PDB file of N, CA and C in Angstrom:
ATOM      1  N   MET A   1     105.529 269.697 210.509  1.00  0.00           N
ATOM      2  CA  MET A   1     106.725 269.070 210.418  1.00  0.00           C
ATOM      3  C   MET A   1     107.751 269.724 211.365  1.00  0.00           C
ATOM      4  N   ALA A   2     108.205 268.941 212.312  1.00  0.00           N
ATOM      5  CA  ALA A   2     109.184 269.633 213.202  1.00  0.00           C
ATOM      6  C   ALA A   2     110.551 269.338 212.781  1.00  0.00           C
ATOM      7  N   GLY A   3     111.425 270.428 212.894  1.00  0.00           N
ATOM      8  CA  GLY A   3     112.838 270.235 212.542  1.00  0.00           C
ATOM      9  C   GLY A   3     113.613 271.336 213.019  1.00  0.00           C
ATOM     10  N   LYS A   4     114.856 271.389 212.746  1.00  0.00           N
ATOM     11  CA  LYS A   4     115.838 272.480 213.182  1.00  0.00           C
ATOM     12  C   LYS A   4     115.293 273.675 212.546  1.00  0.00           C
ATOM     13  N   PRO A   5     115.305 274.737 213.216  1.00  0.00           N
ATOM     14  CA  PRO A   5     115.106 276.092 212.619  1.00  0.00           C
ATOM     15  C   PRO A   5     116.284 276.467 211.698  1.00  0.00           C
ATOM     16  N   LEU A   6     115.970 277.250 210.743  1.00  0.00           N
ATOM     17  CA  LEU A   6     117.012 277.673 209.837  1.00  0.00           C
ATOM     18  C   LEU A   6     117.605 278.942 210.406  1.00  0.00           C
ATOM     19  N   HIS A   7     118.960 279.251 210.199  1.00  0.00           N
ATOM     20  CA  HIS A   7     119.602 280.365 210.883  1.00  0.00           C
ATOM     21  C   HIS A   7     120.344 281.106 209.764  1.00  0.00           C
ATOM     22  N   ILE A   8     120.135 282.386 209.616  1.00  0.00           N
ATOM     23  CA  ILE A   8     120.776 283.038 208.517  1.00  0.00           C
ATOM     24  C   ILE A   8     122.250 283.397 209.008  1.00  0.00           C
ATOM     25  N   VAL A   9     123.090 282.963 208.080  1.00  0.00           N
ATOM     26  CA  VAL A   9     124.618 283.294 208.207  1.00  0.00           C
ATOM     27  C   VAL A   9     124.814 284.682 207.971  1.00  0.00           C
ATOM     28  N   PRO A  10     125.764 285.218 208.697  1.00  0.00           N
ATOM     29  CA  PRO A  10     126.062 286.624 208.483  1.00  0.00           C
ATOM     30  C   PRO A  10     126.490 286.893 207.067  1.00  0.00           C
ATOM     31  N   PRO A  11     125.997 288.082 206.492  1.00  0.00           N
ATOM     32  CA  PRO A  11     126.260 288.294 204.996  1.00  0.00           C
ATOM     33  C   PRO A  11     127.679 288.478 204.781  1.00  0.00           C
ATOM     34  N   VAL A  12     128.010 288.051 203.338  1.00  0.00           N
ATOM     35  CA  VAL A  12     129.344 288.176 202.968  1.00  0.00           C
ATOM     36  C   VAL A  12     129.159 288.937 201.742  1.00  0.00           C
ATOM     37  N   SER A  13     129.974 289.938 201.437  1.00  0.00           N
ATOM     38  CA  SER A  13     129.969 290.923 200.472  1.00  0.00           C
ATOM     39  C   SER A  13     129.893 290.127 199.205  1.00  0.00           C
ATOM     40  N   GLY A  14     128.998 290.521 198.364  1.00  0.00           N
ATOM     41  CA  GLY A  14     128.894 289.802 197.036  1.00  0.00           C
ATOM     42  C   GLY A  14     128.384 288.424 196.760  1.00  0.00           C
ATOM     43  N   VAL A  15     127.819 287.807 198.100  1.00  0.00           N
ATOM     44  CA  VAL A  15     127.237 286.666 198.174  1.00  0.00           C
ATOM     45  C   VAL A  15     125.757 286.760 198.524  1.00  0.00           C
ATOM     46  N   ALA A  16     124.881 285.979 197.993  1.00  0.00           N
ATOM     47  CA  ALA A  16     123.604 286.003 198.492  1.00  0.00           C
ATOM     48  C   ALA A  16     123.413 285.429 199.829  1.00  0.00           C
ATOM     49  N   GLU A  17     122.287 285.422 200.576  1.00  0.00           N
ATOM     50  CA  GLU A  17     122.199 284.960 201.721  1.00  0.00           C
ATOM     51  C   GLU A  17     122.209 283.421 201.743  1.00  0.00           C
ATOM     52  N   ILE A  18     122.809 282.939 202.736  1.00  0.00           N
ATOM     53  CA  ILE A  18     123.108 281.479 202.904  1.00  0.00           C
ATOM     54  C   ILE A  18     122.410 281.055 204.216  1.00  0.00           C
ATOM     55  N   TYR A  19     121.848 279.892 204.133  1.00  0.00           N
ATOM     56  CA  TYR A  19     121.136 279.382 205.323  1.00  0.00           C
ATOM     57  C   TYR A  19     121.969 278.341 205.896  1.00  0.00           C
ATOM     58  N   ASP A  20     122.199 278.227 207.308  1.00  0.00           N
ATOM     59  CA  ASP A  20     123.065 277.176 207.920  1.00  0.00           C
ATOM     60  C   ASP A  20     121.970 276.129 208.266  1.00  0.00           C
ATOM     61  N   LEU A  21     122.074 274.883 207.722  1.00  0.00           N
ATOM     62  CA  LEU A  21     121.218 273.766 208.013  1.00  0.00           C
ATOM     63  C   LEU A  21     121.508 272.903 209.165  1.00  0.00           C
ATOM     64  N   GLY A  22     122.591 273.514 210.060  1.00  0.00           N
ATOM     65  CA  GLY A  22     122.808 272.882 211.224  1.00  0.00           C
ATOM     66  C   GLY A  22     123.869 271.750 211.248  1.00  0.00           C
ATOM     67  N   ARG A  23     124.610 271.714 210.191  1.00  0.00           N
ATOM     68  CA  ARG A  23     125.571 270.711 210.093  1.00  0.00           C
ATOM     69  C   ARG A  23     126.944 271.103 210.453  1.00  0.00           C
ATOM     70  N   GLY A  24     127.232 272.425 210.630  1.00  0.00           N
ATOM     71  CA  GLY A  24     128.505 272.866 211.036  1.00  0.00           C
ATOM     72  C   GLY A  24     129.351 272.829 209.954  1.00  0.00           C
ATOM     73  N   PRO A  25     130.620 273.494 210.094  1.00  0.00           N
ATOM     74  CA  PRO A  25     131.586 273.483 209.087  1.00  0.00           C
ATOM     75  C   PRO A  25     132.150 272.295 208.528  1.00  0.00           C
ATOM     76  N   GLU A  26     132.336 272.129 207.286  1.00  0.00           N
ATOM     77  CA  GLU A  26     132.822 271.043 206.481  1.00  0.00           C
ATOM     78  C   GLU A  26     134.367 270.918 207.007  1.00  0.00           C
ATOM     79  N   THR A  27     134.746 269.790 207.348  1.00  0.00           N
ATOM     80  CA  THR A  27     136.125 269.661 207.557  1.00  0.00           C
ATOM     81  C   THR A  27     136.814 269.466 206.153  1.00  0.00           C
ATOM     82  N   THR A  28     138.164 269.672 206.198  1.00  0.00           N
ATOM     83  CA  THR A  28     139.071 269.609 204.875  1.00  0.00           C
ATOM     84  C   THR A  28     138.793 267.981 204.363  1.00  0.00           C
ATOM     85  N   GLY A  29     138.777 267.032 205.204  1.00  0.00           N
ATOM     86  CA  GLY A  29     138.838 265.648 204.809  1.00  0.00           C
ATOM     87  C   GLY A  29     137.420 265.440 204.144  1.00  0.00           C
ATOM     88  N   GLU A  30     136.339 265.849 204.810  1.00  0.00           N
ATOM     89  CA  GLU A  30     134.952 265.798 204.266  1.00  0.00           C
ATOM     90  C   GLU A  30     134.851 266.404 202.958  1.00  0.00           C
ATOM     91  N   ARG A  31     135.345 267.812 202.866  1.00  0.00           N
ATOM     92  CA  ARG A  31     135.403 268.306 201.608  1.00  0.00           C
ATOM     93  C   ARG A  31     136.169 267.586 200.516  1.00  0.00           C
ATOM     94  N   VAL A  32     137.253 267.130 200.713  1.00  0.00           N
ATOM     95  CA  VAL A  32     138.019 266.321 199.668  1.00  0.00           C
ATOM     96  C   VAL A  32     137.024 265.111 199.319  1.00  0.00           C
ATOM     97  N   LYS A  33     136.465 264.431 200.198  1.00  0.00           N
ATOM     98  CA  LYS A  33     135.692 263.165 199.925  1.00  0.00           C
ATOM     99  C   LYS A  33     134.545 263.563 199.059  1.00  0.00           C
ATOM    100  N   ARG A  34     133.834 264.814 199.438  1.00  0.00           N
ATOM    101  CA  ARG A  34     132.558 265.158 198.744  1.00  0.00           C
ATOM    102  C   ARG A  34     133.040 265.650 197.360  1.00  0.00           C
ATOM    103  N   LEU A  35     134.045 266.303 197.132  1.00  0.00           N
ATOM    104  CA  LEU A  35     134.518 266.705 195.861  1.00  0.00           C
ATOM    105  C   LEU A  35     134.957 265.541 194.980  1.00  0.00           C
ATOM    106  N   GLN A  36     135.728 264.595 195.390  1.00  0.00           N
ATOM    107  CA  GLN A  36     136.113 263.340 194.814  1.00  0.00           C
ATOM    108  C   GLN A  36     134.799 262.565 194.253  1.00  0.00           C
ATOM    109  N   ALA A  37     133.727 262.532 195.292  1.00  0.00           N
ATOM    110  CA  ALA A  37     132.517 261.739 194.934  1.00  0.00           C
ATOM    111  C   ALA A  37     131.858 262.597 193.752  1.00  0.00           C
ATOM    112  N   GLU A  38     131.843 263.870 193.746  1.00  0.00           N
ATOM    113  CA  GLU A  38     131.236 264.668 192.700  1.00  0.00           C
ATOM    114  C   GLU A  38     131.945 264.515 191.470  1.00  0.00           C
ATOM    115  N   ALA A  39     133.243 264.460 191.554  1.00  0.00           N
ATOM    116  CA  ALA A  39     134.244 264.292 190.241  1.00  0.00           C
ATOM    117  C   ALA A  39     133.950 262.823 189.695  1.00  0.00           C
ATOM    118  N   ARG A  40     133.768 261.862 190.542  1.00  0.00           N
ATOM    119  CA  ARG A  40     133.461 260.390 190.008  1.00  0.00           C
ATOM    120  C   ARG A  40     132.094 260.572 189.308  1.00  0.00           C
ATOM    121  N   MET A  41     131.102 261.114 189.995  1.00  0.00           N
ATOM    122  CA  MET A  41     129.741 261.088 189.349  1.00  0.00           C
ATOM    123  C   MET A  41     129.777 261.805 187.988  1.00  0.00           C
ATOM    124  N   LEU A  42     130.457 262.997 187.902  1.00  0.00           N
ATOM    125  CA  LEU A  42     130.525 263.797 186.661  1.00  0.00           C
ATOM    126  C   LEU A  42     131.247 262.903 185.521  1.00  0.00           C
ATOM    127  N   ALA A  43     132.281 262.255 186.000  1.00  0.00           N
ATOM    128  CA  ALA A  43     132.989 261.461 184.952  1.00  0.00           C
ATOM    129  C   ALA A  43     132.076 260.221 184.452  1.00  0.00           C
ATOM    130  N   ARG A  44     131.249 259.631 185.446  1.00  0.00           N
ATOM    131  CA  ARG A  44     130.466 258.677 185.024  1.00  0.00           C
ATOM    132  C   ARG A  44     129.457 259.046 184.046  1.00  0.00           C
ATOM    133  N   GLU A  45     128.846 260.383 184.351  1.00  0.00           N
ATOM    134  CA  GLU A  45     127.778 260.891 183.396  1.00  0.00           C
ATOM    135  C   GLU A  45     128.399 261.118 182.038  1.00  0.00           C
ATOM    136  N   GLU A  46     129.707 261.552 181.898  1.00  0.00           N
ATOM    137  CA  GLU A  46     130.439 261.875 180.761  1.00  0.00           C
ATOM    138  C   GLU A  46     130.553 260.468 180.049  1.00  0.00           C
ATOM    139  N   VAL A  47     130.958 259.455 180.686  1.00  0.00           N
ATOM    140  CA  VAL A  47     131.150 258.217 180.043  1.00  0.00           C
ATOM    141  C   VAL A  47     129.650 257.655 179.530  1.00  0.00           C
ATOM    142  N   GLU A  48     128.752 257.829 180.302  1.00  0.00           N
ATOM    143  CA  GLU A  48     127.342 257.373 179.888  1.00  0.00           C
ATOM    144  C   GLU A  48     127.009 258.105 178.472  1.00  0.00           C
ATOM    145  N   ARG A  49     127.261 259.402 178.525  1.00  0.00           N
ATOM    146  CA  ARG A  49     127.024 260.310 177.318  1.00  0.00           C
ATOM    147  C   ARG A  49     127.726 259.793 176.277  1.00  0.00           C
ATOM    148  N   LEU A  50     128.958 259.447 176.264  1.00  0.00           N
ATOM    149  CA  LEU A  50     129.835 258.757 175.244  1.00  0.00           C
ATOM    150  C   LEU A  50     129.160 257.504 174.894  1.00  0.00           C
ATOM    151  N   ASP A  51     128.670 256.672 175.774  1.00  0.00           N
ATOM    152  CA  ASP A  51     127.946 255.440 175.372  1.00  0.00           C
ATOM    153  C   ASP A  51     126.758 255.672 174.564  1.00  0.00           C
ATOM    154  N   ARG A  52     126.012 256.692 174.878  1.00  0.00           N
ATOM    155  CA  ARG A  52     124.870 257.085 174.076  1.00  0.00           C
ATOM    156  C   ARG A  52     125.116 257.550 172.728  1.00  0.00           C
ATOM    157  N   ASP A  53     126.193 258.315 172.724  1.00  0.00           N
ATOM    158  CA  ASP A  53     126.577 258.879 171.430  1.00  0.00           C
ATOM    159  C   ASP A  53     127.183 257.814 170.360  1.00  0.00           C
ATOM    160  N   LEU A  54     128.000 256.879 170.991  1.00  0.00           N
ATOM    161  CA  LEU A  54     128.365 255.806 170.169  1.00  0.00           C
ATOM    162  C   LEU A  54     127.369 254.896 169.689  1.00  0.00           C
ATOM    163  N   ARG A  55     126.399 254.627 170.469  1.00  0.00           N
ATOM    164  CA  ARG A  55     125.302 253.823 169.986  1.00  0.00           C
ATOM    165  C   ARG A  55     124.480 254.525 168.974  1.00  0.00           C
ATOM    166  N   CYS A  56     124.318 255.807 169.063  1.00  0.00           N
ATOM    167  CA  CYS A  56     123.639 256.547 168.012  1.00  0.00           C
ATOM    168  C   CYS A  56     124.495 256.626 166.764  1.00  0.00           C
ATOM    169  N   LEU A  57     125.784 256.714 166.783  1.00  0.00           N
ATOM    170  CA  LEU A  57     126.538 256.800 165.653  1.00  0.00           C
ATOM    171  C   LEU A  57     126.506 255.384 164.943  1.00  0.00           C
ATOM    172  N   ALA A  58     126.522 254.240 165.793  1.00  0.00           N
ATOM    173  CA  ALA A  58     126.449 252.857 165.293  1.00  0.00           C
ATOM    174  C   ALA A  58     125.156 252.763 164.458  1.00  0.00           C
ATOM    175  N   CYS A  59     124.074 253.292 164.985  1.00  0.00           N
ATOM    176  CA  CYS A  59     122.825 253.074 164.362  1.00  0.00           C
ATOM    177  C   CYS A  59     122.712 253.890 163.127  1.00  0.00           C
ATOM    178  N   GLN A  60     123.300 255.283 163.094  1.00  0.00           N
ATOM    179  CA  GLN A  60     123.370 255.999 161.956  1.00  0.00           C
ATOM    180  C   GLN A  60     124.204 255.272 160.771  1.00  0.00           C
ATOM    181  N   ALA A  61     125.335 254.695 161.091  1.00  0.00           N
ATOM    182  CA  ALA A  61     126.142 254.088 160.209  1.00  0.00           C
ATOM    183  C   ALA A  61     125.459 252.808 159.706  1.00  0.00           C
ATOM    184  N   GLU A  62     124.565 252.181 160.324  1.00  0.00           N
ATOM    185  CA  GLU A  62     123.867 250.933 159.984  1.00  0.00           C
ATOM    186  C   GLU A  62     122.761 251.423 158.923  1.00  0.00           C
ATOM    187  N   THR A  63     122.202 252.518 159.265  1.00  0.00           N
ATOM    188  CA  THR A  63     121.093 253.001 158.340  1.00  0.00           C
ATOM    189  C   THR A  63     121.852 253.297 157.015  1.00  0.00           C
ATOM    190  N   ILE A  64     122.993 253.856 156.956  1.00  0.00           N
ATOM    191  CA  ILE A  64     123.673 254.179 155.731  1.00  0.00           C
ATOM    192  C   ILE A  64     124.104 252.891 154.960  1.00  0.00           C
ATOM    193  N   ALA A  65     124.689 251.817 155.884  1.00  0.00           N
ATOM    194  CA  ALA A  65     125.075 250.704 155.216  1.00  0.00           C
ATOM    195  C   ALA A  65     124.077 249.879 154.597  1.00  0.00           C
ATOM    196  N   GLU A  66     122.739 250.005 154.994  1.00  0.00           N
ATOM    197  CA  GLU A  66     121.689 249.341 154.639  1.00  0.00           C
ATOM    198  C   GLU A  66     120.883 250.155 153.656  1.00  0.00           C
ATOM    199  N   GLY A  67     121.384 251.327 153.329  1.00  0.00           N
ATOM    200  CA  GLY A  67     120.700 252.284 152.458  1.00  0.00           C
ATOM    201  C   GLY A  67     120.602 251.962 151.002  1.00  0.00           C
ATOM    202  N   GLY A  68     121.024 250.766 150.473  1.00  0.00           N
ATOM    203  CA  GLY A  68     121.053 250.365 149.177  1.00  0.00           C
ATOM    204  C   GLY A  68     121.701 251.189 148.170  1.00  0.00           C
ATOM    205  N   GLU A  69     121.163 251.387 146.967  1.00  0.00           N
ATOM    206  CA  GLU A  69     121.886 252.018 145.873  1.00  0.00           C
ATOM    207  C   GLU A  69     121.918 253.516 146.043  1.00  0.00           C
ATOM    208  N   ALA A  70     121.237 254.048 146.960  1.00  0.00           N
ATOM    209  CA  ALA A  70     121.238 255.531 147.299  1.00  0.00           C
ATOM    210  C   ALA A  70     122.636 255.961 147.657  1.00  0.00           C
ATOM    211  N   TYR A  71     123.428 255.065 148.305  1.00  0.00           N
ATOM    212  CA  TYR A  71     124.789 255.309 148.777  1.00  0.00           C
ATOM    213  C   TYR A  71     125.854 254.508 147.881  1.00  0.00           C
ATOM    214  N   PRO A  72     126.875 254.985 147.587  1.00  0.00           N
ATOM    215  CA  PRO A  72     128.053 254.367 146.944  1.00  0.00           C
ATOM    216  C   PRO A  72     128.340 253.068 147.623  1.00  0.00           C
ATOM    217  N   ALA A  73     128.807 252.208 146.865  1.00  0.00           N
ATOM    218  CA  ALA A  73     129.196 250.937 147.480  1.00  0.00           C
ATOM    219  C   ALA A  73     130.338 250.995 148.565  1.00  0.00           C
ATOM    220  N   GLY A  74     131.350 251.771 148.207  1.00  0.00           N
ATOM    221  CA  GLY A  74     132.405 251.949 149.243  1.00  0.00           C
ATOM    222  C   GLY A  74     132.034 252.655 150.499  1.00  0.00           C
ATOM    223  N   ILE A  75     131.042 253.649 150.344  1.00  0.00           N
ATOM    224  CA  ILE A  75     130.566 254.258 151.584  1.00  0.00           C
ATOM    225  C   ILE A  75     129.696 253.219 152.469  1.00  0.00           C
ATOM    226  N   ARG A  76     128.859 252.496 151.785  1.00  0.00           N
ATOM    227  CA  ARG A  76     128.153 251.466 152.417  1.00  0.00           C
ATOM    228  C   ARG A  76     128.915 250.438 153.228  1.00  0.00           C
ATOM    229  N   GLU A  77     130.093 250.044 152.494  1.00  0.00           N
ATOM    230  CA  GLU A  77     130.985 249.086 153.111  1.00  0.00           C
ATOM    231  C   GLU A  77     131.647 249.609 154.447  1.00  0.00           C
ATOM    232  N   LEU A  78     132.178 250.988 154.301  1.00  0.00           N
ATOM    233  CA  LEU A  78     132.777 251.588 155.428  1.00  0.00           C
ATOM    234  C   LEU A  78     131.897 251.921 156.479  1.00  0.00           C
ATOM    235  N   ALA A  79     130.577 252.185 156.194  1.00  0.00           N
ATOM    236  CA  ALA A  79     129.558 252.448 157.247  1.00  0.00           C
ATOM    237  C   ALA A  79     129.235 251.126 157.842  1.00  0.00           C
ATOM    238  N   SER A  80     129.090 250.183 157.319  1.00  0.00           N
ATOM    239  CA  SER A  80     128.927 248.786 157.843  1.00  0.00           C
ATOM    240  C   SER A  80     130.037 248.426 158.896  1.00  0.00           C
ATOM    241  N   ARG A  81     131.197 248.635 158.486  1.00  0.00           N
ATOM    242  CA  ARG A  81     132.277 248.343 159.425  1.00  0.00           C
ATOM    243  C   ARG A  81     132.336 249.239 160.696  1.00  0.00           C
ATOM    244  N   ILE A  82     131.979 250.617 160.281  1.00  0.00           N
ATOM    245  CA  ILE A  82     131.811 251.529 161.433  1.00  0.00           C
ATOM    246  C   ILE A  82     130.742 251.167 162.368  1.00  0.00           C
ATOM    247  N   SER A  83     129.565 250.757 161.782  1.00  0.00           N
ATOM    248  CA  SER A  83     128.496 250.445 162.661  1.00  0.00           C
ATOM    249  C   SER A  83     128.897 249.162 163.657  1.00  0.00           C
ATOM    250  N   VAL A  84     129.605 248.191 163.047  1.00  0.00           N
ATOM    251  CA  VAL A  84     129.886 247.027 163.878  1.00  0.00           C
ATOM    252  C   VAL A  84     130.877 247.264 164.953  1.00  0.00           C
ATOM    253  N   GLU A  85     131.908 248.010 164.496  1.00  0.00           N
ATOM    254  CA  GLU A  85     133.086 248.316 165.521  1.00  0.00           C
ATOM    255  C   GLU A  85     132.714 249.338 166.524  1.00  0.00           C
ATOM    256  N   THR A  86     131.822 250.371 166.081  1.00  0.00           N
ATOM    257  CA  THR A  86     131.375 251.265 167.243  1.00  0.00           C
ATOM    258  C   THR A  86     130.365 250.663 168.152  1.00  0.00           C
ATOM    259  N   ALA A  87     129.464 249.712 167.691  1.00  0.00           N
ATOM    260  CA  ALA A  87     128.733 249.106 168.640  1.00  0.00           C
ATOM    261  C   ALA A  87     129.410 248.071 169.571  1.00  0.00           C
ATOM    262  N   GLN A  88     130.475 247.557 168.952  1.00  0.00           N
ATOM    263  CA  GLN A  88     131.410 246.683 169.926  1.00  0.00           C
ATOM    264  C   GLN A  88     131.923 247.452 170.953  1.00  0.00           C
ATOM    265  N   ARG A  89     132.460 248.690 170.600  1.00  0.00           N
ATOM    266  CA  ARG A  89     133.224 249.488 171.606  1.00  0.00           C
ATOM    267  C   ARG A  89     132.209 250.027 172.601  1.00  0.00           C
ATOM    268  N   ALA A  90     130.926 250.270 172.244  1.00  0.00           N
ATOM    269  CA  ALA A  90     130.027 250.722 173.098  1.00  0.00           C
ATOM    270  C   ALA A  90     129.573 249.632 174.183  1.00  0.00           C
ATOM    271  N   ASP A  91     129.590 248.480 173.701  1.00  0.00           N
ATOM    272  CA  ASP A  91     129.329 247.268 174.561  1.00  0.00           C
ATOM    273  C   ASP A  91     130.506 246.982 175.487  1.00  0.00           C
ATOM    274  N   ILE A  92     131.681 247.380 175.065  1.00  0.00           N
ATOM    275  CA  ILE A  92     132.871 247.226 175.977  1.00  0.00           C
ATOM    276  C   ILE A  92     132.807 248.231 177.160  1.00  0.00           C
ATOM    277  N   LEU A  93     132.530 249.586 176.603  1.00  0.00           N
ATOM    278  CA  LEU A  93     132.320 250.646 177.599  1.00  0.00           C
ATOM    279  C   LEU A  93     131.213 250.411 178.568  1.00  0.00           C
ATOM    280  N   GLN A  94     130.176 249.779 178.155  1.00  0.00           N
ATOM    281  CA  GLN A  94     128.966 249.547 179.085  1.00  0.00           C
ATOM    282  C   GLN A  94     129.537 248.505 179.947  1.00  0.00           C
ATOM    283  N   ALA A  95     130.223 247.550 179.654  1.00  0.00           N
ATOM    284  CA  ALA A  95     130.601 246.465 180.391  1.00  0.00           C
ATOM    285  C   ALA A  95     131.647 247.021 181.582  1.00  0.00           C
ATOM    286  N   LEU A  96     132.448 247.918 181.141  1.00  0.00           N
ATOM    287  CA  LEU A  96     133.349 248.514 182.084  1.00  0.00           C
ATOM    288  C   LEU A  96     132.636 249.290 183.052  1.00  0.00           C
ATOM    289  N   LEU A  97     131.715 250.100 182.655  1.00  0.00           N
ATOM    290  CA  LEU A  97     130.789 250.868 183.579  1.00  0.00           C
ATOM    291  C   LEU A  97     130.005 249.946 184.595  1.00  0.00           C
ATOM    292  N   GLN A  98     129.506 248.959 184.175  1.00  0.00           N
ATOM    293  CA  GLN A  98     128.687 247.920 185.110  1.00  0.00           C
ATOM    294  C   GLN A  98     129.714 247.314 186.001  1.00  0.00           C
ATOM    295  N   ARG A  99     130.988 247.101 185.565  1.00  0.00           N
ATOM    296  CA  ARG A  99     132.027 246.460 186.522  1.00  0.00           C
ATOM    297  C   ARG A  99     132.271 247.438 187.654  1.00  0.00           C
ATOM    298  N   LEU A 100     132.279 248.801 187.309  1.00  0.00           N
ATOM    299  CA  LEU A 100     132.640 249.701 188.280  1.00  0.00           C
ATOM    300  C   LEU A 100     131.518 250.038 189.333  1.00  0.00           C
ATOM    301  N   GLY A 101     130.425 249.560 188.886  1.00  0.00           N
ATOM    302  CA  GLY A 101     129.261 249.747 189.795  1.00  0.00           C
ATOM    303  C   GLY A 101     128.394 251.005 189.680  1.00  0.00           C
TER     304      GLY A 101
END
């Protein structure tokens, strides 16, 4: 496999060896774009985690709502509402994520 040879960058105190992959230094504009892309990616991951957590909560609430006499009537009713409302919000969140691409 032919490619560019790796070059060792001069050592910097307190930093492990770094290898130059031949791209040259990153400009400020390139760095800003890269950091913005990373921030968007991390934000999306966080929203996806929220979506999963909401769906898990809705499922747990539905289990309680359908738990029969083991749970008091007021708790079953509240859990039923939480289940429906949380699932709806998770659906809205998912739709917004899909719209963003």
